[in-house]
Amino acid sequence: MSEELSLKDFLEKQTRIMSTAWIETLPDDIYNQLWDAFHASENSIGKVTAAKWLHSIGYPEATAGRIDAILIRERRK
C-alpha cells in the first residue's frame, strides 16, 4: 500500500484563504430584497429569476449558483 496523506495532514498543509461569497458583495438593499423574495411564504422566486433581475439592474456576473448562498445566510439589518 502506498503512503497516503491523512485528511488531517492534508488540511494542515493547506494555505488558509478567507474568501467571501459573491452574494456578500451586494449592497444591503439588494441583498435584503433577494433574501425576502427567497424566504417569502407566498410568491417566492427561484434562483434563475433572481439572476435575471440582477442582470437587469447591472450585475451581469450573477448566476444561480452564486445566488444559492443566500439560502443559508441571515437577512441583513
N, C-alpha and C. Protein backbone atom coordinates (compact mmCIF):
# COMPACT_ATOMS: atom_id res chain seq x y z
N MET A 1 0.84 -1.18 0.00
CA MET A 1 0.00 0.00 0.00
C MET A 1 0.89 1.25 0.00
N SER A 2 0.55 2.20 -0.84
CA SER A 2 1.35 3.42 -0.90
C SER A 2 1.11 4.28 0.33
N GLU A 3 2.07 5.13 0.61
CA GLU A 3 1.97 6.05 1.75
C GLU A 3 0.95 7.14 1.40
N GLU A 4 -0.15 7.15 2.13
CA GLU A 4 -1.20 8.12 1.85
C GLU A 4 -1.22 9.19 2.92
N LEU A 5 -1.49 10.40 2.51
CA LEU A 5 -1.59 11.54 3.40
C LEU A 5 -2.98 11.53 4.03
N SER A 6 -3.04 11.64 5.35
CA SER A 6 -4.35 11.66 6.00
C SER A 6 -5.04 12.99 5.70
N LEU A 7 -6.33 13.01 5.87
CA LEU A 7 -7.09 14.24 5.64
C LEU A 7 -6.61 15.33 6.59
N LYS A 8 -6.38 14.99 7.83
CA LYS A 8 -5.90 15.96 8.81
C LYS A 8 -4.58 16.57 8.37
N ASP A 9 -3.63 15.74 7.95
CA ASP A 9 -2.33 16.23 7.49
C ASP A 9 -2.47 17.09 6.24
N PHE A 10 -3.33 16.67 5.34
CA PHE A 10 -3.58 17.44 4.13
C PHE A 10 -4.08 18.83 4.47
N LEU A 11 -5.06 18.91 5.37
CA LEU A 11 -5.64 20.19 5.74
C LEU A 11 -4.64 21.10 6.44
N GLU A 12 -3.76 20.52 7.23
CA GLU A 12 -2.74 21.31 7.92
C GLU A 12 -1.76 21.93 6.94
N LYS A 13 -1.56 21.31 5.79
CA LYS A 13 -0.62 21.82 4.79
C LYS A 13 -1.25 22.87 3.88
N GLN A 14 -2.56 22.97 3.91
CA GLN A 14 -3.25 23.91 3.03
C GLN A 14 -3.09 25.34 3.55
N THR A 15 -3.02 26.26 2.63
CA THR A 15 -2.99 27.67 2.97
C THR A 15 -4.41 28.13 3.22
N ARG A 16 -4.62 28.75 4.33
CA ARG A 16 -5.96 29.24 4.67
C ARG A 16 -6.20 30.55 3.92
N ILE A 17 -7.22 30.55 3.11
CA ILE A 17 -7.60 31.75 2.36
C ILE A 17 -9.03 32.08 2.74
N MET A 18 -9.22 33.25 3.25
CA MET A 18 -10.57 33.69 3.58
C MET A 18 -11.19 34.25 2.30
N SER A 19 -12.26 33.65 1.89
CA SER A 19 -12.93 34.15 0.71
C SER A 19 -14.35 34.55 1.09
N THR A 20 -14.89 35.44 0.31
CA THR A 20 -16.23 35.92 0.55
C THR A 20 -17.13 35.42 -0.57
N ALA A 21 -18.29 34.95 -0.21
CA ALA A 21 -19.25 34.53 -1.22
C ALA A 21 -19.67 35.74 -2.04
N TRP A 22 -19.89 35.54 -3.32
CA TRP A 22 -20.27 36.64 -4.20
C TRP A 22 -21.49 37.38 -3.66
N ILE A 23 -22.45 36.67 -3.13
CA ILE A 23 -23.69 37.28 -2.65
C ILE A 23 -23.41 38.32 -1.57
N GLU A 24 -22.33 38.15 -0.82
CA GLU A 24 -21.98 39.09 0.24
C GLU A 24 -21.48 40.43 -0.29
N THR A 25 -21.15 40.49 -1.56
CA THR A 25 -20.65 41.74 -2.13
C THR A 25 -21.78 42.68 -2.56
N LEU A 26 -23.02 42.19 -2.52
CA LEU A 26 -24.15 43.03 -2.92
C LEU A 26 -24.48 44.06 -1.85
N PRO A 27 -24.98 45.22 -2.27
CA PRO A 27 -25.43 46.22 -1.29
C PRO A 27 -26.57 45.66 -0.44
N ASP A 28 -26.70 46.18 0.78
CA ASP A 28 -27.71 45.67 1.71
C ASP A 28 -29.12 45.66 1.13
N ASP A 29 -29.51 46.73 0.46
CA ASP A 29 -30.88 46.82 -0.07
C ASP A 29 -31.17 45.71 -1.07
N ILE A 30 -30.25 45.47 -1.97
CA ILE A 30 -30.44 44.44 -2.99
C ILE A 30 -30.40 43.05 -2.35
N TYR A 31 -29.45 42.85 -1.47
CA TYR A 31 -29.34 41.57 -0.75
C TYR A 31 -30.65 41.28 -0.02
N ASN A 32 -31.17 42.26 0.73
CA ASN A 32 -32.39 42.05 1.51
C ASN A 32 -33.61 41.81 0.63
N GLN A 33 -33.67 42.48 -0.52
CA GLN A 33 -34.78 42.20 -1.45
C GLN A 33 -34.74 40.74 -1.90
N LEU A 34 -33.56 40.27 -2.22
CA LEU A 34 -33.41 38.86 -2.62
C LEU A 34 -33.75 37.93 -1.47
N TRP A 35 -33.21 38.24 -0.30
CA TRP A 35 -33.45 37.40 0.87
C TRP A 35 -34.95 37.29 1.14
N ASP A 36 -35.63 38.43 1.11
CA ASP A 36 -37.07 38.44 1.35
C ASP A 36 -37.81 37.61 0.31
N ALA A 37 -37.41 37.75 -0.95
CA ALA A 37 -38.07 37.02 -2.03
C ALA A 37 -37.87 35.51 -1.89
N PHE A 38 -36.69 35.09 -1.47
CA PHE A 38 -36.43 33.65 -1.31
C PHE A 38 -37.13 33.07 -0.09
N HIS A 39 -37.34 33.87 0.91
CA HIS A 39 -37.90 33.36 2.16
C HIS A 39 -39.37 33.69 2.33
N ALA A 40 -39.99 34.27 1.32
CA ALA A 40 -41.41 34.60 1.39
C ALA A 40 -42.24 33.32 1.35
N SER A 41 -43.28 33.27 2.17
CA SER A 41 -44.14 32.09 2.15
C SER A 41 -45.04 32.11 0.91
N GLU A 42 -45.33 33.30 0.41
CA GLU A 42 -46.09 33.45 -0.83
C GLU A 42 -45.20 34.14 -1.87
N ASN A 43 -45.35 33.74 -3.10
CA ASN A 43 -44.65 34.39 -4.21
C ASN A 43 -43.13 34.38 -4.07
N SER A 44 -42.56 33.29 -3.55
CA SER A 44 -41.11 33.21 -3.52
C SER A 44 -40.61 33.04 -4.96
N ILE A 45 -39.37 33.42 -5.18
CA ILE A 45 -38.82 33.34 -6.53
C ILE A 45 -37.73 32.28 -6.58
N GLY A 46 -37.35 31.93 -7.78
CA GLY A 46 -36.27 30.98 -7.99
C GLY A 46 -34.96 31.68 -8.27
N LYS A 47 -33.88 30.92 -8.24
CA LYS A 47 -32.55 31.49 -8.43
C LYS A 47 -32.34 32.02 -9.85
N VAL A 48 -32.94 31.37 -10.84
CA VAL A 48 -32.79 31.84 -12.22
C VAL A 48 -33.47 33.20 -12.39
N THR A 49 -34.66 33.34 -11.83
CA THR A 49 -35.37 34.62 -11.89
C THR A 49 -34.58 35.70 -11.17
N ALA A 50 -34.03 35.35 -10.01
CA ALA A 50 -33.22 36.31 -9.26
C ALA A 50 -32.00 36.75 -10.08
N ALA A 51 -31.35 35.80 -10.75
CA ALA A 51 -30.18 36.14 -11.56
C ALA A 51 -30.58 37.06 -12.71
N LYS A 52 -31.72 36.79 -13.34
CA LYS A 52 -32.19 37.65 -14.42
C LYS A 52 -32.46 39.07 -13.92
N TRP A 53 -33.06 39.18 -12.73
CA TRP A 53 -33.30 40.51 -12.16
C TRP A 53 -31.99 41.22 -11.89
N LEU A 54 -31.03 40.50 -11.30
CA LEU A 54 -29.73 41.12 -11.04
C LEU A 54 -29.05 41.57 -12.32
N HIS A 55 -29.16 40.78 -13.37
CA HIS A 55 -28.60 41.18 -14.67
C HIS A 55 -29.24 42.49 -15.13
N SER A 56 -30.56 42.59 -14.95
CA SER A 56 -31.29 43.77 -15.43
C SER A 56 -30.93 45.04 -14.67
N ILE A 57 -30.40 44.89 -13.45
CA ILE A 57 -30.04 46.08 -12.68
C ILE A 57 -28.52 46.28 -12.59
N GLY A 58 -27.80 45.59 -13.45
CA GLY A 58 -26.37 45.87 -13.57
C GLY A 58 -25.40 44.90 -12.91
N TYR A 59 -25.84 43.69 -12.66
CA TYR A 59 -24.96 42.66 -12.09
C TYR A 59 -24.87 41.48 -13.06
N PRO A 60 -24.15 41.65 -14.17
CA PRO A 60 -24.09 40.59 -15.19
C PRO A 60 -23.40 39.32 -14.72
N GLU A 61 -22.63 39.40 -13.65
CA GLU A 61 -21.91 38.23 -13.15
C GLU A 61 -22.77 37.34 -12.26
N ALA A 62 -24.00 37.74 -12.01
CA ALA A 62 -24.90 36.94 -11.17
C ALA A 62 -25.24 35.61 -11.84
N THR A 63 -25.18 34.55 -11.07
CA THR A 63 -25.58 33.22 -11.55
C THR A 63 -26.42 32.56 -10.46
N ALA A 64 -27.17 31.57 -10.85
CA ALA A 64 -27.98 30.83 -9.87
C ALA A 64 -27.09 30.23 -8.79
N GLY A 65 -25.93 29.73 -9.18
CA GLY A 65 -25.01 29.14 -8.22
C GLY A 65 -24.48 30.15 -7.21
N ARG A 66 -24.19 31.35 -7.68
CA ARG A 66 -23.70 32.39 -6.78
C ARG A 66 -24.80 32.87 -5.84
N ILE A 67 -26.00 32.88 -6.32
CA ILE A 67 -27.13 33.34 -5.51
C ILE A 67 -27.52 32.31 -4.46
N ASP A 68 -27.24 31.07 -4.72
CA ASP A 68 -27.62 29.96 -3.85
C ASP A 68 -27.19 30.17 -2.40
N ALA A 69 -26.08 30.83 -2.18
CA ALA A 69 -25.55 31.03 -0.83
C ALA A 69 -26.48 31.83 0.07
N ILE A 70 -27.36 32.61 -0.51
CA ILE A 70 -28.27 33.43 0.29
C ILE A 70 -29.24 32.57 1.10
N LEU A 71 -29.46 31.35 0.66
CA LEU A 71 -30.40 30.46 1.34
C LEU A 71 -29.92 30.03 2.72
N ILE A 72 -28.63 30.12 2.97
CA ILE A 72 -28.10 29.70 4.27
C ILE A 72 -27.57 30.86 5.09
N ARG A 73 -27.89 32.06 4.67
CA ARG A 73 -27.43 33.25 5.39
C ARG A 73 -28.59 33.96 6.06
N GLU A 74 -28.24 34.83 6.98
CA GLU A 74 -29.23 35.64 7.67
C GLU A 74 -29.53 36.90 6.88
N ARG A 75 -30.72 37.45 7.10
CA ARG A 75 -31.08 38.72 6.49
C ARG A 75 -30.21 39.80 7.14
N ARG A 76 -29.81 40.77 6.35
CA ARG A 76 -29.02 41.88 6.89
C ARG A 76 -29.92 42.86 7.62
N LYS A 77 -29.36 43.59 8.50
CA LYS A 77 -30.12 44.58 9.27
C LYS A 77 -30.24 45.88 8.55
